[in-house]
N, C-alpha and C. Protein backbone atom coordinates (compact mmCIF):
# COMPACT_ATOMS: atom_id res chain seq x y z
N MET A 1 96.29 89.69 124.42
CA MET A 1 96.55 88.32 124.79
C MET A 1 95.99 87.41 123.70
N LEU A 2 96.79 86.50 123.25
CA LEU A 2 96.36 85.57 122.22
C LEU A 2 95.76 84.35 122.90
N THR A 3 94.52 84.08 122.57
CA THR A 3 93.82 82.99 123.24
C THR A 3 93.43 81.86 122.30
N ARG A 4 93.77 81.98 121.04
CA ARG A 4 93.43 80.94 120.07
C ARG A 4 94.50 80.92 118.98
N PRO A 5 94.60 79.81 118.26
CA PRO A 5 95.60 79.74 117.18
C PRO A 5 95.30 80.76 116.09
N ALA A 6 96.34 81.21 115.45
CA ALA A 6 96.18 82.19 114.38
C ALA A 6 95.58 81.54 113.14
N PRO A 7 94.59 82.21 112.53
CA PRO A 7 94.11 81.72 111.24
C PRO A 7 95.15 82.03 110.16
N ALA A 8 94.98 81.42 109.03
CA ALA A 8 95.89 81.70 107.91
C ALA A 8 95.78 83.18 107.54
N PRO A 9 96.90 83.85 107.25
CA PRO A 9 96.85 85.28 106.97
C PRO A 9 96.23 85.64 105.62
N THR A 10 96.30 84.72 104.65
CA THR A 10 95.76 85.02 103.32
C THR A 10 94.85 83.90 102.86
N ASP A 11 93.98 84.24 101.91
CA ASP A 11 93.09 83.24 101.32
C ASP A 11 93.77 82.58 100.12
N ALA A 12 93.06 81.72 99.42
CA ALA A 12 93.63 81.00 98.28
C ALA A 12 94.10 81.93 97.16
N ALA A 13 93.49 83.13 97.09
CA ALA A 13 93.88 84.10 96.05
C ALA A 13 95.01 85.01 96.52
N GLY A 14 95.52 84.79 97.74
CA GLY A 14 96.61 85.62 98.25
C GLY A 14 96.16 86.93 98.89
N ARG A 15 94.86 87.07 99.11
CA ARG A 15 94.34 88.30 99.72
C ARG A 15 94.31 88.18 101.24
N LEU A 16 94.51 89.29 101.90
CA LEU A 16 94.46 89.34 103.36
C LEU A 16 93.09 88.88 103.86
N ARG A 17 93.09 88.03 104.89
CA ARG A 17 91.84 87.54 105.46
C ARG A 17 91.44 88.41 106.66
N ALA A 18 90.18 88.77 106.71
CA ALA A 18 89.66 89.61 107.78
C ALA A 18 89.75 88.91 109.13
N ASP A 19 89.55 87.60 109.17
CA ASP A 19 89.63 86.91 110.46
C ASP A 19 91.05 86.90 111.02
N PHE A 20 92.06 86.98 110.14
CA PHE A 20 93.44 87.11 110.60
C PHE A 20 93.67 88.48 111.23
N VAL A 21 93.16 89.53 110.60
CA VAL A 21 93.30 90.88 111.14
C VAL A 21 92.58 90.96 112.49
N GLU A 22 91.41 90.39 112.56
CA GLU A 22 90.64 90.35 113.81
C GLU A 22 91.48 89.67 114.91
N TRP A 23 92.12 88.56 114.59
CA TRP A 23 92.97 87.85 115.53
C TRP A 23 94.17 88.71 115.94
N MET A 24 94.81 89.36 114.95
CA MET A 24 95.98 90.20 115.24
C MET A 24 95.64 91.35 116.19
N GLN A 25 94.41 91.84 116.11
CA GLN A 25 94.00 92.94 116.97
C GLN A 25 93.54 92.46 118.35
N GLY A 26 93.53 91.16 118.56
CA GLY A 26 93.15 90.62 119.85
C GLY A 26 91.65 90.62 120.10
N LEU A 27 90.87 90.72 119.04
CA LEU A 27 89.42 90.72 119.17
C LEU A 27 88.90 89.29 119.24
N ASP A 28 87.75 89.11 119.84
CA ASP A 28 87.12 87.80 119.88
C ASP A 28 86.81 87.33 118.46
N ALA A 29 86.86 86.03 118.25
CA ALA A 29 86.53 85.48 116.93
C ALA A 29 85.11 85.88 116.56
N GLY A 30 84.94 86.43 115.37
CA GLY A 30 83.63 86.84 114.90
C GLY A 30 83.20 88.23 115.32
N TRP A 31 84.02 88.95 116.06
CA TRP A 31 83.66 90.30 116.53
C TRP A 31 83.24 91.17 115.36
N VAL A 32 83.97 91.09 114.27
CA VAL A 32 83.64 91.83 113.05
C VAL A 32 83.21 90.86 111.95
N THR A 33 83.91 89.74 111.84
CA THR A 33 83.69 88.84 110.71
C THR A 33 82.35 88.11 110.76
N ALA A 34 81.71 88.04 111.90
CA ALA A 34 80.40 87.37 111.99
C ALA A 34 79.24 88.37 111.90
N THR A 35 79.53 89.62 111.58
CA THR A 35 78.48 90.62 111.45
C THR A 35 77.71 90.37 110.16
N PRO A 36 76.39 90.14 110.27
CA PRO A 36 75.61 89.87 109.06
C PRO A 36 75.66 91.03 108.07
N GLY A 37 75.80 90.70 106.81
CA GLY A 37 75.76 91.71 105.75
C GLY A 37 77.08 92.38 105.45
N LEU A 38 78.14 92.07 106.21
CA LEU A 38 79.45 92.68 105.93
C LEU A 38 80.29 91.73 105.09
N GLY A 39 80.65 92.15 103.92
CA GLY A 39 81.55 91.37 103.08
C GLY A 39 82.99 91.62 103.48
N ARG A 40 83.91 90.92 102.86
CA ARG A 40 85.33 91.04 103.18
C ARG A 40 85.84 92.49 103.12
N PRO A 41 85.55 93.25 102.05
CA PRO A 41 86.05 94.64 102.02
C PRO A 41 85.52 95.49 103.18
N ALA A 42 84.25 95.34 103.50
CA ALA A 42 83.69 96.12 104.62
C ALA A 42 84.26 95.66 105.96
N GLN A 43 84.52 94.37 106.10
CA GLN A 43 85.13 93.87 107.33
C GLN A 43 86.53 94.46 107.50
N LEU A 44 87.32 94.45 106.42
CA LEU A 44 88.68 95.01 106.51
C LEU A 44 88.65 96.51 106.77
N THR A 45 87.67 97.20 106.21
CA THR A 45 87.53 98.63 106.48
C THR A 45 87.21 98.87 107.94
N ALA A 46 86.26 98.11 108.47
CA ALA A 46 85.89 98.25 109.88
C ALA A 46 87.08 97.95 110.78
N LEU A 47 87.81 96.89 110.48
CA LEU A 47 88.98 96.54 111.29
C LEU A 47 90.07 97.60 111.18
N GLY A 48 90.26 98.13 109.99
CA GLY A 48 91.27 99.17 109.79
C GLY A 48 90.93 100.47 110.48
N ASN A 49 89.65 100.75 110.64
CA ASN A 49 89.23 101.98 111.31
C ASN A 49 89.01 101.78 112.80
N GLY A 50 89.16 100.55 113.26
CA GLY A 50 88.89 100.24 114.66
C GLY A 50 90.07 100.58 115.56
N VAL A 51 89.83 100.41 116.82
CA VAL A 51 90.85 100.64 117.85
C VAL A 51 91.23 99.29 118.44
N VAL A 52 92.53 99.05 118.56
CA VAL A 52 93.00 97.83 119.20
C VAL A 52 92.82 98.03 120.71
N PRO A 53 91.97 97.22 121.35
CA PRO A 53 91.65 97.44 122.76
C PRO A 53 92.85 97.51 123.69
N GLN A 54 93.86 96.67 123.47
CA GLN A 54 95.04 96.68 124.33
C GLN A 54 95.81 97.99 124.20
N GLN A 55 95.90 98.53 122.99
CA GLN A 55 96.61 99.79 122.79
C GLN A 55 95.84 100.94 123.43
N ALA A 56 94.52 100.93 123.30
CA ALA A 56 93.70 101.99 123.89
C ALA A 56 93.83 101.98 125.41
N ALA A 57 93.79 100.81 126.01
CA ALA A 57 93.91 100.71 127.47
C ALA A 57 95.27 101.22 127.93
N ARG A 58 96.31 100.85 127.22
CA ARG A 58 97.66 101.30 127.59
C ARG A 58 97.79 102.82 127.43
N ALA A 59 97.24 103.36 126.35
CA ALA A 59 97.30 104.81 126.13
C ALA A 59 96.58 105.55 127.26
N LEU A 60 95.45 105.06 127.67
CA LEU A 60 94.73 105.72 128.77
C LEU A 60 95.53 105.67 130.06
N ARG A 61 96.17 104.53 130.34
CA ARG A 61 96.99 104.45 131.55
C ARG A 61 98.17 105.42 131.50
N LEU A 62 98.76 105.60 130.32
CA LEU A 62 99.92 106.47 130.19
C LEU A 62 99.56 107.95 130.15
N LEU A 63 98.45 108.28 129.49
CA LEU A 63 98.14 109.67 129.21
C LEU A 63 97.15 110.32 130.17
N ALA A 64 96.29 109.53 130.78
CA ALA A 64 95.28 110.11 131.66
C ALA A 64 95.93 110.47 132.99
N PRO A 65 95.67 111.66 133.50
CA PRO A 65 96.24 112.02 134.80
C PRO A 65 95.59 111.16 135.89
N PRO A 66 96.31 110.94 136.97
CA PRO A 66 95.71 110.17 138.07
C PRO A 66 94.46 110.89 138.59
N PHE A 67 93.45 110.12 138.89
CA PHE A 67 92.20 110.70 139.39
C PHE A 67 92.39 110.97 140.88
N PRO A 68 92.23 112.23 141.30
CA PRO A 68 92.44 112.53 142.71
C PRO A 68 91.34 111.87 143.57
N ARG A 69 91.74 111.48 144.76
CA ARG A 69 90.76 110.89 145.67
C ARG A 69 89.83 111.96 146.19
N CYS A 70 88.60 111.61 146.34
CA CYS A 70 87.58 112.52 146.85
C CYS A 70 87.82 112.71 148.35
N PRO A 71 87.99 113.95 148.84
CA PRO A 71 88.22 114.17 150.27
C PRO A 71 87.10 113.61 151.15
N ARG A 72 85.85 113.73 150.69
CA ARG A 72 84.75 113.19 151.48
C ARG A 72 84.82 111.67 151.54
N CYS A 73 85.19 111.04 150.43
CA CYS A 73 85.26 109.57 150.40
C CYS A 73 86.40 109.06 151.28
N ALA A 74 87.52 109.78 151.28
CA ALA A 74 88.68 109.35 152.06
C ALA A 74 88.39 109.45 153.57
N ALA A 75 87.54 110.39 153.96
CA ALA A 75 87.23 110.59 155.38
C ALA A 75 86.25 109.53 155.89
N ALA A 76 85.53 108.89 155.01
CA ALA A 76 84.51 107.91 155.44
C ALA A 76 85.10 106.61 155.85
């Protein structure tokens, strides 16, 4: 879900901006980009190696078998 306007995709030098990637992945602003000590290359690496939360949730719903109800819990 997009909850804020998209930042510009590239900087003045035409390079991909990490805050744009963060936005595209649906992460909160600063989730990666506000981490102290991480420069742009490390931010992009972290984002590239990360999991998009919406995709992970959907994959779990599709791939995980339904959890059977506990017989003891159902009887209570």
